[in-house]
Amino acid sequence: MSQLSIEKSMQPSPQQKKKDSGLIRFFKQWDLQLMVIPALALIFVFSYIPMYGIIIAFQDYKIGSSFSSSPWVGLKHFSYFFSSPEFGLVMRNTIIISFLKFLVGFPAPVILALMLNEVRKMTFKRVVQSVTYLPYFMSWVIVGGLVSSLLSVDSGAINMLLERLNLITQPINFLSLPEYFWGILVTTNVWKEIGFGSIVYLAAIAGVDPHTYEAASIDGASRFKQIYLITLPSIMPVVTIFMILAIGNLLSAGFEDILILAANPAIRDVSDVIDTYVVRIGIENYRYSYATAVGLFKSVVSVGLLTLANLVARRSGNSLW
């Protein structure tokens, strides 16, 4: 064996070099790794360890008994959910409410960010940002109280305004009529989330090269054309990622907002979604195995939707993985 072949055999492989460089980078960033460890520990303790409890979806679990002693029933709870009279109603409400929130709530922060980016008076811009951010930091209990006060039959501002404008002759009990619930729910969600959701898009717009706008302006492009041809394509990777996440949450129609705004049982036919159904039928009636089965069904479908949306987005070069 020649000296050259011996030296080549002693050299580390590309895989070994990559492994060594990764270890070296890990130890060089030990302070950053220490900051990540608590977050990883919290995720492991509160997200991964409880996954063991998913097995009760396939058992007839009774509170007080152990998982190992509970009898196995297979897909009994899933079959019961699919054949229950409430299945069609719950799935219809979940899909419609989720679709309405996605259709209206997803583009709203993008449009707000584009509008704020065009504002030249910084004082006005800061005021608008502060006003739109504030609702996000209020709990749904407070927001629900505000909405209930505005829509109150006795002294609600909305009813008083409609009466002053002679649009109605007597107050309307908005939160007790099914035909108004979806509109109230979606509008309230957009009002609460739009300001905070626009922060990410404003940050993405801030990263666009200003010289691109100057060149487009010299070529005669209007502000609208600059938004359409420069701003939107530049932030499209961020928009795509958030769209993938939103599609993955299409079966998450909401919980706190619906639980508070739909307190009246008269509108249950249009407000009962998977999350509220799990609490009402599964948790309150101590049917933990049934509630787990319904929640597992929702999680599996959500993962499937997320994967499908990611595969479609990968064709455009913007995907989560």
Protein backbone atom coordinates (compact mmCIF):
# COMPACT_ATOMS: atom_id res chain seq x y z
CA MET A 1 0.00 0.00 0.00
CA SER A 2 1.42 3.35 -1.02
CA GLN A 3 1.90 6.29 1.31
CA LEU A 4 -0.79 8.27 -0.54
CA SER A 5 -3.43 5.57 -0.07
CA ILE A 6 -2.53 5.29 3.63
CA GLU A 7 -3.01 9.04 4.10
CA LYS A 8 -6.34 8.93 2.29
CA SER A 9 -7.59 6.09 4.47
CA MET A 10 -6.64 8.05 7.58
CA GLN A 11 -8.62 11.13 6.51
CA PRO A 12 -12.11 11.42 8.04
CA SER A 13 -15.12 10.84 5.80
CA PRO A 14 -17.51 13.73 4.90
CA GLN A 15 -20.09 12.24 7.27
CA GLN A 16 -17.55 12.18 10.09
CA LYS A 17 -16.53 15.77 9.34
CA LYS A 18 -20.17 16.86 9.45
CA LYS A 19 -20.69 15.06 12.75
CA ASP A 20 -17.55 16.56 14.25
CA SER A 21 -18.44 20.06 13.09
CA GLY A 22 -21.92 19.66 14.60
CA LEU A 23 -20.49 18.62 17.96
CA ILE A 24 -17.96 21.45 17.91
CA ARG A 25 -20.70 23.96 17.08
CA PHE A 26 -22.85 22.53 19.88
CA PHE A 27 -20.16 22.99 22.51
CA LYS A 28 -19.23 26.43 21.20
CA GLN A 29 -22.86 27.49 21.65
CA TRP A 30 -23.24 25.91 25.09
CA ASP A 31 -24.81 29.07 26.54
CA LEU A 32 -27.50 29.09 23.83
CA GLN A 33 -28.09 25.36 24.29
CA LEU A 34 -28.67 25.90 28.00
CA MET A 35 -31.36 28.46 27.18
CA VAL A 36 -33.13 25.94 24.93
CA ILE A 37 -33.02 23.02 27.40
CA PRO A 38 -35.79 24.38 29.73
CA ALA A 39 -38.14 24.88 26.77
CA LEU A 40 -37.42 21.38 25.50
CA ALA A 41 -38.00 19.98 28.99
CA LEU A 42 -41.38 21.75 29.24
CA ILE A 43 -42.44 20.45 25.83
CA PHE A 44 -41.36 16.92 26.76
CA VAL A 45 -43.12 16.94 30.13
CA PHE A 46 -46.38 18.62 29.10
CA SER A 47 -46.70 17.52 25.45
CA TYR A 48 -44.97 14.18 24.93
CA ILE A 49 -45.39 12.35 28.23
CA PRO A 50 -49.19 12.90 28.28
CA MET A 51 -49.39 11.22 24.85
CA TYR A 52 -49.32 7.94 26.76
CA GLY A 53 -52.88 8.70 27.80
CA ILE A 54 -54.05 8.37 24.18
CA ILE A 55 -54.41 4.62 24.77
CA ILE A 56 -57.62 5.19 26.74
CA ALA A 57 -59.28 6.04 23.42
CA PHE A 58 -59.12 2.28 22.76
CA GLN A 59 -60.14 1.31 26.29
CA ASP A 60 -63.22 1.56 28.48
CA TYR A 61 -61.47 3.71 31.05
CA LYS A 62 -63.10 4.56 34.37
CA ILE A 63 -61.74 7.30 36.59
CA GLY A 64 -59.75 5.90 39.47
CA SER A 65 -58.56 2.83 37.58
CA SER A 66 -55.18 2.43 35.92
CA PHE A 67 -54.52 2.27 32.19
CA SER A 68 -53.21 -1.27 32.44
CA SER A 69 -56.34 -2.60 34.19
CA SER A 70 -58.86 -0.94 31.85
CA PRO A 71 -60.48 -3.31 29.34
CA TRP A 72 -59.63 -2.86 25.67
CA VAL A 73 -62.56 -2.08 23.38
CA GLY A 74 -60.78 -1.34 20.11
CA LEU A 75 -62.52 1.22 17.91
CA LYS A 76 -65.77 1.20 19.89
CA HIS A 77 -65.66 4.90 20.85
CA PHE A 78 -64.72 6.00 17.32
CA SER A 79 -67.59 3.96 15.89
CA TYR A 80 -69.98 5.47 18.41
CA PHE A 81 -68.87 9.00 17.51
CA PHE A 82 -69.24 8.42 13.76
CA SER A 83 -72.71 6.92 14.21
CA SER A 84 -73.96 9.40 16.83
CA PRO A 85 -76.76 11.81 15.85
CA GLU A 86 -74.55 14.79 16.72
CA PHE A 87 -71.69 13.79 14.38
CA GLY A 88 -73.06 15.50 11.27
CA LEU A 89 -74.05 18.65 13.15
CA VAL A 90 -70.74 18.94 14.99
CA MET A 91 -68.66 18.36 11.86
CA ARG A 92 -70.77 20.82 9.85
CA ASN A 93 -70.38 23.57 12.44
CA THR A 94 -66.66 22.87 12.86
CA ILE A 95 -65.91 22.97 9.14
CA ILE A 96 -68.07 26.03 8.40
CA ILE A 97 -66.78 28.09 11.34
CA SER A 98 -63.16 27.11 10.62
CA PHE A 99 -63.57 27.93 6.93
CA LEU A 100 -65.15 31.31 7.70
CA LYS A 101 -62.36 32.15 10.15
CA PHE A 102 -59.77 31.13 7.55
CA LEU A 103 -61.48 32.93 4.68
CA VAL A 104 -61.89 36.21 6.58
CA GLY A 105 -59.32 36.02 9.36
CA PHE A 106 -56.29 34.84 7.40
CA PRO A 107 -56.02 37.65 4.80
CA ALA A 108 -57.06 40.36 7.29
CA PRO A 109 -53.61 40.73 8.98
CA VAL A 110 -51.91 40.71 5.58
CA ILE A 111 -54.16 43.51 4.32
CA LEU A 112 -53.65 45.51 7.53
CA ALA A 113 -49.87 45.13 7.27
CA LEU A 114 -49.91 46.29 3.65
CA MET A 115 -52.05 49.31 4.57
CA LEU A 116 -49.86 50.26 7.54
CA ASN A 117 -46.77 49.98 5.36
CA GLU A 118 -48.19 52.66 3.08
CA VAL A 119 -48.81 55.12 5.94
CA ARG A 120 -46.21 57.90 5.93
CA LYS A 121 -47.23 59.72 9.13
CA MET A 122 -45.48 57.72 11.86
CA THR A 123 -47.64 59.15 14.65
CA PHE A 124 -50.83 57.95 13.01
CA LYS A 125 -49.20 54.61 12.20
CA ARG A 126 -48.16 54.01 15.83
CA VAL A 127 -51.63 54.93 17.09
CA VAL A 128 -53.29 52.49 14.69
CA GLN A 129 -50.84 49.74 15.62
CA SER A 130 -51.42 50.24 19.33
CA VAL A 131 -55.20 50.25 18.93
CA THR A 132 -55.22 47.10 16.81
CA TYR A 133 -52.70 45.23 19.02
CA LEU A 134 -54.56 45.89 22.27
CA PRO A 135 -57.49 43.41 21.85
CA TYR A 136 -55.08 40.49 21.45
CA PHE A 137 -53.85 40.89 25.02
CA MET A 138 -57.37 40.82 26.49
CA SER A 139 -58.77 37.48 27.61
CA TRP A 140 -61.84 36.03 25.92
CA VAL A 141 -63.76 36.58 29.14
CA ILE A 142 -63.27 40.34 28.80
CA VAL A 143 -63.89 40.31 25.06
CA GLY A 144 -67.05 38.24 25.55
CA GLY A 145 -68.29 40.72 28.14
CA LEU A 146 -67.67 43.63 25.76
CA VAL A 147 -69.50 41.91 22.91
CA SER A 148 -72.40 40.99 25.17
CA SER A 149 -72.66 44.60 26.37
CA LEU A 150 -72.58 45.97 22.82
CA LEU A 151 -75.25 43.54 21.64
CA SER A 152 -77.40 43.74 24.77
CA VAL A 153 -81.14 44.08 24.28
CA ASP A 154 -81.63 46.58 27.10
CA SER A 155 -78.81 49.07 26.69
CA GLY A 156 -76.61 47.71 23.91
CA ALA A 157 -74.93 50.30 21.72
CA ILE A 158 -75.66 48.36 18.52
CA ASN A 159 -79.41 48.14 19.17
CA MET A 160 -79.57 51.79 20.23
CA LEU A 161 -77.75 52.85 17.06
CA LEU A 162 -80.01 50.78 14.80
CA GLU A 163 -83.09 52.22 16.49
CA ARG A 164 -81.81 55.79 16.11
CA LEU A 165 -81.24 55.13 12.41
CA ASN A 166 -84.78 53.69 12.15
CA LEU A 167 -83.40 50.40 10.82
CA ILE A 168 -85.23 48.36 13.46
CA THR A 169 -88.38 48.99 15.49
CA GLN A 170 -87.45 46.90 18.53
CA PRO A 171 -84.15 45.56 19.94
CA ILE A 172 -82.73 42.32 18.56
CA ASN A 173 -81.32 39.65 20.84
CA PHE A 174 -78.32 38.93 18.60
CA LEU A 175 -76.68 36.33 20.87
CA SER A 176 -79.87 34.24 21.01
CA LEU A 177 -80.58 34.03 17.28
CA PRO A 178 -78.70 31.33 15.31
CA GLU A 179 -78.60 33.34 12.07
CA TYR A 180 -76.34 35.99 13.64
CA PHE A 181 -73.92 33.77 15.56
CA TRP A 182 -71.38 32.91 12.84
CA GLY A 183 -71.06 36.55 11.78
CA ILE A 184 -70.60 37.73 15.38
CA LEU A 185 -68.05 35.00 16.11
CA VAL A 186 -65.92 35.61 13.00
CA THR A 187 -66.05 39.40 13.36
CA THR A 188 -65.01 39.23 17.01
CA ASN A 189 -62.12 36.88 16.19
CA VAL A 190 -60.85 39.15 13.41
CA TRP A 191 -61.07 42.21 15.66
CA LYS A 192 -59.13 40.44 18.40
CA GLU A 193 -56.41 38.80 16.28
CA ILE A 194 -55.82 41.13 13.34
CA GLY A 195 -53.38 43.54 15.00
CA PHE A 196 -51.06 40.96 16.51
CA GLY A 197 -51.15 38.83 13.37
CA SER A 198 -49.95 41.75 11.26
CA ILE A 199 -46.70 42.07 13.26
CA VAL A 200 -45.03 39.18 11.43
CA TYR A 201 -46.04 40.51 8.02
CA LEU A 202 -44.84 44.02 8.89
CA ALA A 203 -41.48 42.53 9.87
CA ALA A 204 -41.31 40.65 6.56
CA ILE A 205 -42.19 43.82 4.61
CA ALA A 206 -39.46 45.72 6.48
CA GLY A 207 -36.93 43.28 5.03
CA VAL A 208 -37.76 44.19 1.43
CA ASP A 209 -34.99 46.15 -0.30
CA PRO A 210 -36.07 49.84 -0.59
CA HIS A 211 -34.12 50.19 -3.83
CA THR A 212 -36.62 47.84 -5.46
CA TYR A 213 -39.41 50.33 -4.80
CA GLU A 214 -37.28 53.21 -6.07
CA ALA A 215 -36.57 51.36 -9.31
CA ALA A 216 -40.23 50.53 -9.77
CA SER A 217 -41.20 54.14 -9.09
CA ILE A 218 -38.75 55.35 -11.72
CA ASP A 219 -40.28 52.92 -14.19
CA GLY A 220 -43.68 54.49 -13.52
CA ALA A 221 -45.22 51.84 -11.26
CA SER A 222 -47.98 53.12 -9.02
CA ARG A 223 -48.17 52.33 -5.30
CA PHE A 224 -50.76 49.63 -5.96
CA LYS A 225 -48.55 48.00 -8.59
CA GLN A 226 -45.59 48.13 -6.21
CA ILE A 227 -47.65 46.29 -3.60
CA TYR A 228 -48.81 43.71 -6.13
CA LEU A 229 -45.50 43.18 -7.94
CA ILE A 230 -42.95 43.71 -5.15
CA THR A 231 -44.36 43.57 -1.63
CA LEU A 232 -46.66 40.57 -1.98
CA PRO A 233 -44.13 38.33 -3.80
CA SER A 234 -41.47 39.28 -1.24
CA ILE A 235 -43.56 38.23 1.76
CA MET A 236 -45.14 35.23 0.04
CA PRO A 237 -42.85 32.67 1.80
CA VAL A 238 -44.07 33.94 5.19
CA VAL A 239 -47.68 33.99 4.00
CA THR A 240 -47.34 30.42 2.70
CA ILE A 241 -45.97 29.11 5.99
CA PHE A 242 -48.79 30.68 7.99
CA MET A 243 -51.30 29.40 5.46
CA ILE A 244 -50.00 25.84 5.92
CA LEU A 245 -50.37 26.16 9.69
CA ALA A 246 -53.86 27.62 9.29
CA ILE A 247 -54.95 24.75 7.04
CA GLY A 248 -53.62 22.29 9.61
CA ASN A 249 -55.91 23.91 12.18
CA LEU A 250 -59.07 23.80 10.08
CA LEU A 251 -60.73 21.46 12.59
CA SER A 252 -59.84 23.81 15.44
CA ALA A 253 -62.86 26.05 15.11
CA GLY A 254 -62.26 27.55 18.54
CA PHE A 255 -63.08 26.82 22.13
CA GLU A 256 -62.94 29.80 24.50
CA ASP A 257 -64.64 32.19 22.09
CA ILE A 258 -67.46 29.76 21.31
CA LEU A 259 -67.84 28.70 24.93
CA ILE A 260 -68.32 32.33 26.00
CA LEU A 261 -70.28 33.77 23.08
CA ALA A 262 -72.50 30.70 22.70
CA ALA A 263 -73.56 30.37 26.33
CA ASN A 264 -77.21 30.33 25.26
CA PRO A 265 -78.32 26.72 24.52
CA ALA A 266 -80.75 28.08 21.92
CA ILE A 267 -77.92 28.49 19.41
CA ARG A 268 -76.23 25.13 20.07
CA ASP A 269 -77.27 23.90 16.61
CA VAL A 270 -74.89 26.42 15.03
CA SER A 271 -72.25 26.69 17.78
CA ASP A 272 -71.47 23.12 18.84
CA VAL A 273 -68.02 22.21 17.45
CA ILE A 274 -65.62 19.35 18.19
CA ASP A 275 -63.91 21.05 21.13
CA THR A 276 -67.10 22.12 22.86
CA TYR A 277 -68.66 18.72 22.11
CA VAL A 278 -65.72 16.96 23.78
CA VAL A 279 -66.13 19.08 26.91
CA ARG A 280 -69.92 18.79 27.02
CA ILE A 281 -70.27 15.07 26.27
CA GLY A 282 -66.92 13.64 27.25
CA ILE A 283 -65.54 15.60 30.18
CA GLU A 284 -68.72 16.79 31.95
CA ASN A 285 -70.28 13.31 31.69
CA TYR A 286 -67.04 11.57 32.78
CA ARG A 287 -66.72 9.75 29.46
CA TYR A 288 -62.96 10.20 29.23
CA SER A 289 -62.33 7.43 26.72
CA TYR A 290 -64.95 8.82 24.38
CA ALA A 291 -63.58 12.35 24.71
CA THR A 292 -60.05 11.09 24.00
CA ALA A 293 -61.25 9.20 20.91
CA VAL A 294 -62.92 12.32 19.49
CA GLY A 295 -59.84 14.42 20.24
CA LEU A 296 -57.58 11.82 18.63
CA PHE A 297 -59.75 11.80 15.51
CA LYS A 298 -59.42 15.57 15.28
CA SER A 299 -55.63 15.41 15.74
CA VAL A 300 -55.16 12.75 13.06
CA VAL A 301 -57.22 14.72 10.53
CA SER A 302 -55.33 17.92 11.40
CA VAL A 303 -51.96 16.21 10.84
CA GLY A 304 -53.21 14.90 7.51
CA LEU A 305 -54.36 18.36 6.41
CA LEU A 306 -51.05 19.88 7.52
CA THR A 307 -49.07 17.28 5.56
CA LEU A 308 -51.23 17.73 2.46
CA ALA A 309 -50.92 21.53 2.60
CA ASN A 310 -47.15 21.23 3.00
CA LEU A 311 -46.89 18.92 -0.03
CA VAL A 312 -48.87 21.38 -2.15
CA ALA A 313 -46.78 24.34 -0.92
CA ARG A 314 -43.53 22.47 -1.60
CA ARG A 315 -44.19 22.76 -5.33
CA SER A 316 -43.85 26.53 -5.01
CA GLY A 317 -40.61 26.18 -3.05
CA ASN A 318 -42.11 27.37 0.25
CA SER A 319 -42.83 24.66 2.80
CA LEU A 320 -42.29 23.81 6.44
CA TRP A 321 -40.24 20.71 5.67
